[in-house]
């Protein structure tokens, strides 16, 4: 079921929040990657990446206004895993990447991370008024 929620930001105008909702309204990763596109995931009761046994989170990213106000975002990375193309000289990643690098992404959210390698809050008002707790960060954090 698709639901929408209108959001108004003083001086910044109107934005549309869209999210799939249902029992528990939970957004979860697929194979260690989760992308909440513009206006997405902001009505979810929970967003998780890397909590499935045997599949750590490599990246969770949020578009414009995504995950705004969500109070239960959980991200668990790994101490190390090969990135795509590793066999052909690709890289090796330590920890998950949390990318709140779009306009107001993760605003007023609560994020709990474990084994995080990188946190990006580069969008305008990205992570503004958010609570972010990183336990056991990856070595290069």
C-alpha atoms as a PDB file:
ATOM      1  CA  UNK A   1       0.000   0.000   0.000  1.00  0.00           C
ATOM      2  CA  UNK A   2       1.422   3.387  -0.975  1.00  0.00           C
ATOM      3  CA  UNK A   3       0.841   6.249   1.426  1.00  0.00           C
ATOM      4  CA  UNK A   4       1.704   9.916   1.236  1.00  0.00           C
ATOM      5  CA  UNK A   5       2.227  12.582   3.828  1.00  0.00           C
ATOM      6  CA  UNK A   6       2.528  16.298   3.191  1.00  0.00           C
ATOM      7  CA  UNK A   7       5.379  18.154   4.846  1.00  0.00           C
ATOM      8  CA  UNK A   8       5.893  21.891   4.954  1.00  0.00           C
ATOM      9  CA  UNK A   9       9.232  23.435   5.850  1.00  0.00           C
ATOM     10  CA  UNK A  10       9.320  27.149   6.748  1.00  0.00           C
ATOM     11  CA  UNK A  11      11.076  29.081   4.035  1.00  0.00           C
ATOM     12  CA  UNK A  12      11.708  25.939   2.013  1.00  0.00           C
ATOM     13  CA  UNK A  13       8.226  25.088   0.797  1.00  0.00           C
ATOM     14  CA  UNK A  14       6.346  21.864   0.427  1.00  0.00           C
ATOM     15  CA  UNK A  15       7.581  18.315   0.020  1.00  0.00           C
ATOM     16  CA  UNK A  16       5.775  15.050  -0.513  1.00  0.00           C
ATOM     17  CA  UNK A  17       6.660  12.102   1.675  1.00  0.00           C
ATOM     18  CA  UNK A  18       5.984   8.701   0.158  1.00  0.00           C
ATOM     19  CA  UNK A  19       6.573   5.317   1.674  1.00  0.00           C
ATOM     20  CA  UNK A  20       5.244   1.818   1.432  1.00  0.00           C
ATOM     21  CA  UNK A  21       3.369   1.042   4.588  1.00  0.00           C
ATOM     22  CA  UNK A  22       1.880  -2.103   5.931  1.00  0.00           C
ATOM     23  CA  UNK A  23       2.244  -4.287   9.014  1.00  0.00           C
ATOM     24  CA  UNK A  24       4.928  -2.502  10.992  1.00  0.00           C
ATOM     25  CA  UNK A  25       5.938  -0.344   7.977  1.00  0.00           C
ATOM     26  CA  UNK A  26       9.541  -1.548   7.909  1.00  0.00           C
ATOM     27  CA  UNK A  27      12.099  -0.788   5.179  1.00  0.00           C
ATOM     28  CA  UNK A  28      14.891  -3.382   4.951  1.00  0.00           C
ATOM     29  CA  UNK A  29      17.958  -3.811   2.787  1.00  0.00           C
ATOM     30  CA  UNK A  30      18.296  -6.187  -0.136  1.00  0.00           C
ATOM     31  CA  UNK A  31      21.690  -7.902  -0.168  1.00  0.00           C
ATOM     32  CA  UNK A  32      23.277  -5.271   2.092  1.00  0.00           C
ATOM     33  CA  UNK A  33      22.127  -2.178   0.185  1.00  0.00           C
ATOM     34  CA  UNK A  34      19.158   0.066   0.933  1.00  0.00           C
ATOM     35  CA  UNK A  35      18.234   3.230  -0.932  1.00  0.00           C
ATOM     36  CA  UNK A  36      15.388   5.422   0.245  1.00  0.00           C
ATOM     37  CA  UNK A  37      14.774   7.651  -2.760  1.00  0.00           C
ATOM     38  CA  UNK A  38      13.517  11.234  -2.600  1.00  0.00           C
ATOM     39  CA  UNK A  39      10.708  11.494  -0.082  1.00  0.00           C
ATOM     40  CA  UNK A  40      10.969   7.811   0.764  1.00  0.00           C
ATOM     41  CA  UNK A  41      10.976   5.908   4.028  1.00  0.00           C
ATOM     42  CA  UNK A  42       9.839   8.912   6.057  1.00  0.00           C
ATOM     43  CA  UNK A  43       6.698   7.234   7.346  1.00  0.00           C
ATOM     44  CA  UNK A  44       8.393   3.961   8.248  1.00  0.00           C
ATOM     45  CA  UNK A  45       8.339   2.825  11.850  1.00  0.00           C
ATOM     46  CA  UNK A  46      11.718   1.145  11.259  1.00  0.00           C
ATOM     47  CA  UNK A  47      14.506   1.226   8.694  1.00  0.00           C
ATOM     48  CA  UNK A  48      17.217  -1.412   8.881  1.00  0.00           C
ATOM     49  CA  UNK A  49      20.269  -2.432   6.895  1.00  0.00           C
ATOM     50  CA  UNK A  50      22.585  -5.314   7.719  1.00  0.00           C
ATOM     51  CA  UNK A  51      20.449  -6.978  10.363  1.00  0.00           C
ATOM     52  CA  UNK A  52      19.795 -10.094   8.272  1.00  0.00           C
ATOM     53  CA  UNK A  53      22.098 -12.952   9.390  1.00  0.00           C
ATOM     54  CA  UNK A  54      25.131 -13.316   7.139  1.00  0.00           C
ATOM     55  CA  UNK A  55      24.524 -10.153   5.096  1.00  0.00           C
ATOM     56  CA  UNK A  56      26.070  -6.987   6.547  1.00  0.00           C
ATOM     57  CA  UNK A  57      25.115  -3.564   5.269  1.00  0.00           C
ATOM     58  CA  UNK A  58      27.515  -2.035   2.769  1.00  0.00           C
ATOM     59  CA  UNK A  59      25.537   1.152   2.067  1.00  0.00           C
ATOM     60  CA  UNK A  60      22.328   2.856   3.078  1.00  0.00           C
ATOM     61  CA  UNK A  61      21.502   6.099   1.293  1.00  0.00           C
ATOM     62  CA  UNK A  62      18.748   8.653   1.597  1.00  0.00           C
ATOM     63  CA  UNK A  63      17.443  11.071  -1.055  1.00  0.00           C
ATOM     64  CA  UNK A  64      15.796  14.457  -0.540  1.00  0.00           C
ATOM     65  CA  UNK A  65      13.592  14.487   2.586  1.00  0.00           C
ATOM     66  CA  UNK A  66      14.041  10.717   2.979  1.00  0.00           C
ATOM     67  CA  UNK A  67      13.813   9.206   6.475  1.00  0.00           C
ATOM     68  CA  UNK A  68      12.922  12.580   7.958  1.00  0.00           C
ATOM     69  CA  UNK A  69      11.756  12.067  11.517  1.00  0.00           C
ATOM     70  CA  UNK A  70      12.159   8.275  11.579  1.00  0.00           C
ATOM     71  CA  UNK A  71      13.152   7.332  15.128  1.00  0.00           C
ATOM     72  CA  UNK A  72      14.286   3.750  14.554  1.00  0.00           C
ATOM     73  CA  UNK A  73      17.040   3.464  11.930  1.00  0.00           C
ATOM     74  CA  UNK A  74      19.505   0.613  12.537  1.00  0.00           C
ATOM     75  CA  UNK A  75      22.609  -0.050  10.453  1.00  0.00           C
ATOM     76  CA  UNK A  76      25.154  -2.836  10.975  1.00  0.00           C
ATOM     77  CA  UNK A  77      28.221  -3.125   8.785  1.00  0.00           C
ATOM     78  CA  UNK A  78      31.089  -5.576   8.776  1.00  0.00           C
ATOM     79  CA  UNK A  79      34.790  -5.406   9.563  1.00  0.00           C
ATOM     80  CA  UNK A  80      35.520  -6.121   5.926  1.00  0.00           C
ATOM     81  CA  UNK A  81      34.091  -7.343   2.664  1.00  0.00           C
ATOM     82  CA  UNK A  82      34.980  -7.143  -1.000  1.00  0.00           C
ATOM     83  CA  UNK A  83      33.311  -4.460  -3.088  1.00  0.00           C
ATOM     84  CA  UNK A  84      31.872  -5.178  -6.566  1.00  0.00           C
ATOM     85  CA  UNK A  85      34.629  -5.945  -9.043  1.00  0.00           C
ATOM     86  CA  UNK A  86      37.020  -7.111  -6.317  1.00  0.00           C
ATOM     87  CA  UNK A  87      38.225 -10.006  -8.485  1.00  0.00           C
ATOM     88  CA  UNK A  88      39.186  -7.500 -11.207  1.00  0.00           C
ATOM     89  CA  UNK A  89      41.145  -5.247  -8.858  1.00  0.00           C
ATOM     90  CA  UNK A  90      38.199  -3.647  -7.048  1.00  0.00           C
ATOM     91  CA  UNK A  91      38.360  -2.491  -3.458  1.00  0.00           C
ATOM     92  CA  UNK A  92      37.821  -3.789   0.012  1.00  0.00           C
ATOM     93  CA  UNK A  93      35.386  -1.961   2.283  1.00  0.00           C
ATOM     94  CA  UNK A  94      35.441  -1.815   6.057  1.00  0.00           C
ATOM     95  CA  UNK A  95      32.176  -0.858   7.690  1.00  0.00           C
ATOM     96  CA  UNK A  96      28.901   0.391   6.278  1.00  0.00           C
ATOM     97  CA  UNK A  97      28.377   3.784   4.652  1.00  0.00           C
ATOM     98  CA  UNK A  98      25.450   5.872   5.838  1.00  0.00           C
ATOM     99  CA  UNK A  99      24.755   8.571   3.233  1.00  0.00           C
ATOM    100  CA  UNK A 100      22.352  11.320   4.312  1.00  0.00           C
ATOM    101  CA  UNK A 101      23.729  13.559   1.598  1.00  0.00           C
ATOM    102  CA  UNK A 102      20.581  15.011   0.070  1.00  0.00           C
ATOM    103  CA  UNK A 103      18.367  17.964   0.945  1.00  0.00           C
ATOM    104  CA  UNK A 104      17.034  17.430   4.497  1.00  0.00           C
ATOM    105  CA  UNK A 105      17.681  13.686   4.430  1.00  0.00           C
ATOM    106  CA  UNK A 106      17.701  12.089   7.893  1.00  0.00           C
ATOM    107  CA  UNK A 107      16.451  15.333   9.423  1.00  0.00           C
ATOM    108  CA  UNK A 108      15.259  14.819  13.020  1.00  0.00           C
ATOM    109  CA  UNK A 109      15.919  11.072  12.671  1.00  0.00           C
ATOM    110  CA  UNK A 110      17.463   8.718  15.219  1.00  0.00           C
ATOM    111  CA  UNK A 111      20.178   6.465  13.770  1.00  0.00           C
ATOM    112  CA  UNK A 112      21.948   3.671  15.620  1.00  0.00           C
ATOM    113  CA  UNK A 113      24.975   2.297  13.776  1.00  0.00           C
ATOM    114  CA  UNK A 114      27.497  -0.450  14.413  1.00  0.00           C
ATOM    115  CA  UNK A 115      30.669  -1.123  12.409  1.00  0.00           C
ATOM    116  CA  UNK A 116      30.219   2.060  10.389  1.00  0.00           C
ATOM    117  CA  UNK A 117      33.037   3.132   8.074  1.00  0.00           C
ATOM    118  CA  UNK A 118      31.621   6.427   6.840  1.00  0.00           C
ATOM    119  CA  UNK A 119      28.815   8.812   7.728  1.00  0.00           C
ATOM    120  CA  UNK A 120      27.869  11.520   5.219  1.00  0.00           C
ATOM    121  CA  UNK A 121      25.601  14.405   6.206  1.00  0.00           C
ATOM    122  CA  UNK A 122      26.416  16.731   3.331  1.00  0.00           C
ATOM    123  CA  UNK A 123      22.987  17.769   2.015  1.00  0.00           C
ATOM    124  CA  UNK A 124      21.428  21.064   3.033  1.00  0.00           C
ATOM    125  CA  UNK A 125      20.022  20.407   6.513  1.00  0.00           C
ATOM    126  CA  UNK A 126      20.967  16.740   6.131  1.00  0.00           C
ATOM    127  CA  UNK A 127      21.041  15.187   9.630  1.00  0.00           C
ATOM    128  CA  UNK A 128      19.798  18.478  11.102  1.00  0.00           C
ATOM    129  CA  UNK A 129      18.379  17.824  14.603  1.00  0.00           C
ATOM    130  CA  UNK A 130      19.187  14.109  14.210  1.00  0.00           C
ATOM    131  CA  UNK A 131      20.491  11.833  16.963  1.00  0.00           C
ATOM    132  CA  UNK A 132      23.235   9.568  15.607  1.00  0.00           C
ATOM    133  CA  UNK A 133      24.934   6.958  17.782  1.00  0.00           C
ATOM    134  CA  UNK A 134      27.844   4.958  16.321  1.00  0.00           C
ATOM    135  CA  UNK A 135      28.924   1.976  18.412  1.00  0.00           C
ATOM    136  CA  UNK A 136      32.106   0.070  17.536  1.00  0.00           C
ATOM    137  CA  UNK A 137      33.039   2.147  14.445  1.00  0.00           C
ATOM    138  CA  UNK A 138      35.174   0.590  11.714  1.00  0.00           C
ATOM    139  CA  UNK A 139      38.923   1.366  12.028  1.00  0.00           C
ATOM    140  CA  UNK A 140      39.004   4.122   9.359  1.00  0.00           C
ATOM    141  CA  UNK A 141      35.889   5.950  10.648  1.00  0.00           C
END
